[in-house]
Amino acid sequence: MSKRAPSLFLSIAAFVLYIVGGIATFTGIALVLLMGGRDLFGWGDAKAIGYLLVCSGLCFSVMGVLFLRLVRNRTNELLCQSVQPKQ
């Protein structure tokens, strides 16, 4: 396995976190605005589940962005080390 493969897998995982967070956020907003106070599949009030999805989606999005920046900085350090001549 090459050195770039773990960074690729980690960056894909971070991107997936970011996308899932965005989908959860907008689904939560839709539940709050469109469903109102109706029951949602016997799970409870749609507005409460919507707020839960908004908050957890925002957390996932922020976590994905931070994780992606961490992977990027780690990859940049590895690239800089491979380019600089060894002394």
Protein backbone atom coordinates (compact mmCIF):
# COMPACT_ATOMS: atom_id res chain seq x y z
CA MET A 1 0.00 0.00 0.00
CA SER A 2 1.33 3.43 -0.86
CA LYS A 3 1.84 6.31 1.56
CA ARG A 4 -0.99 8.33 0.00
CA ALA A 5 -3.69 5.69 0.55
CA PRO A 6 -4.36 6.40 4.27
CA SER A 7 -4.64 10.13 3.57
CA LEU A 8 -7.04 9.42 0.73
CA PHE A 9 -9.24 7.22 2.92
CA LEU A 10 -9.21 9.78 5.73
CA SER A 11 -10.11 12.62 3.38
CA ILE A 12 -12.99 10.59 1.90
CA ALA A 13 -14.25 9.87 5.43
CA ALA A 14 -14.08 13.58 6.29
CA PHE A 15 -15.95 14.49 3.10
CA VAL A 16 -18.64 11.91 3.89
CA LEU A 17 -19.03 13.41 7.37
CA TYR A 18 -19.42 16.86 5.82
CA ILE A 19 -22.05 15.68 3.31
CA VAL A 20 -24.03 13.67 5.89
CA GLY A 21 -24.02 16.69 8.18
CA GLY A 22 -25.39 18.93 5.44
CA ILE A 23 -28.13 16.47 4.55
CA ALA A 24 -29.11 16.08 8.21
CA THR A 25 -29.16 19.84 8.71
CA PHE A 26 -31.45 20.55 5.78
CA THR A 27 -33.67 17.56 6.62
CA GLY A 28 -34.05 18.95 10.13
CA ILE A 29 -34.93 22.38 8.80
CA ALA A 30 -37.55 20.81 6.53
CA LEU A 31 -39.03 18.86 9.44
CA VAL A 32 -39.27 21.95 11.61
CA LEU A 33 -40.81 24.13 8.92
CA LEU A 34 -43.03 21.67 7.04
CA MET A 35 -44.11 19.04 9.57
CA GLY A 36 -44.62 21.33 12.53
CA GLY A 37 -45.88 19.51 15.62
CA ARG A 38 -47.14 16.34 13.96
CA ASP A 39 -46.13 12.87 15.08
CA LEU A 40 -43.28 11.36 13.05
CA PHE A 41 -43.60 7.56 12.65
CA GLY A 42 -44.33 7.17 16.36
CA TRP A 43 -40.87 8.53 17.24
CA GLY A 44 -42.20 11.77 18.69
CA ASP A 45 -42.86 15.33 17.68
CA ALA A 46 -41.45 16.20 14.23
CA LYS A 47 -40.30 19.61 15.46
CA ALA A 48 -38.17 18.05 18.24
CA ILE A 49 -36.60 15.53 15.87
CA GLY A 50 -36.01 18.35 13.39
CA TYR A 51 -34.13 20.38 15.98
CA LEU A 52 -32.11 17.29 16.88
CA LEU A 53 -31.19 16.77 13.22
CA VAL A 54 -30.25 20.42 12.77
CA CYS A 55 -27.93 20.41 15.78
CA SER A 56 -26.33 17.04 15.06
CA GLY A 57 -26.01 17.89 11.35
CA LEU A 58 -24.18 21.11 12.15
CA CYS A 59 -21.87 19.21 14.50
CA PHE A 60 -21.14 16.62 11.80
CA SER A 61 -20.44 19.34 9.24
CA VAL A 62 -18.04 21.17 11.55
CA MET A 63 -16.36 17.89 12.48
CA GLY A 64 -15.96 17.00 8.79
CA VAL A 65 -14.41 20.39 7.98
CA LEU A 66 -11.99 20.21 10.90
CA PHE A 67 -11.08 16.62 10.07
CA LEU A 68 -10.46 17.55 6.43
CA ARG A 69 -8.20 20.43 7.46
CA LEU A 70 -6.29 18.10 9.78
CA VAL A 71 -5.75 15.57 6.98
CA ARG A 72 -4.73 18.36 4.60
CA ASN A 73 -2.15 19.77 7.01
CA ARG A 74 -0.79 16.30 7.69
CA THR A 75 -0.53 15.57 3.97
CA ASN A 76 1.18 18.94 3.31
CA GLU A 77 3.76 18.18 6.01
CA LEU A 78 4.51 14.80 4.43
CA LEU A 79 4.85 16.41 1.00
CA CYS A 80 7.18 19.12 2.31
CA GLN A 81 9.34 16.51 4.02
CA SER A 82 9.61 14.48 0.83
CA VAL A 83 10.61 17.53 -1.27
CA GLN A 84 13.20 19.05 1.07
CA PRO A 85 16.70 17.60 0.79
CA LYS A 86 17.80 15.51 3.74
CA GLN A 87 20.76 16.84 5.68
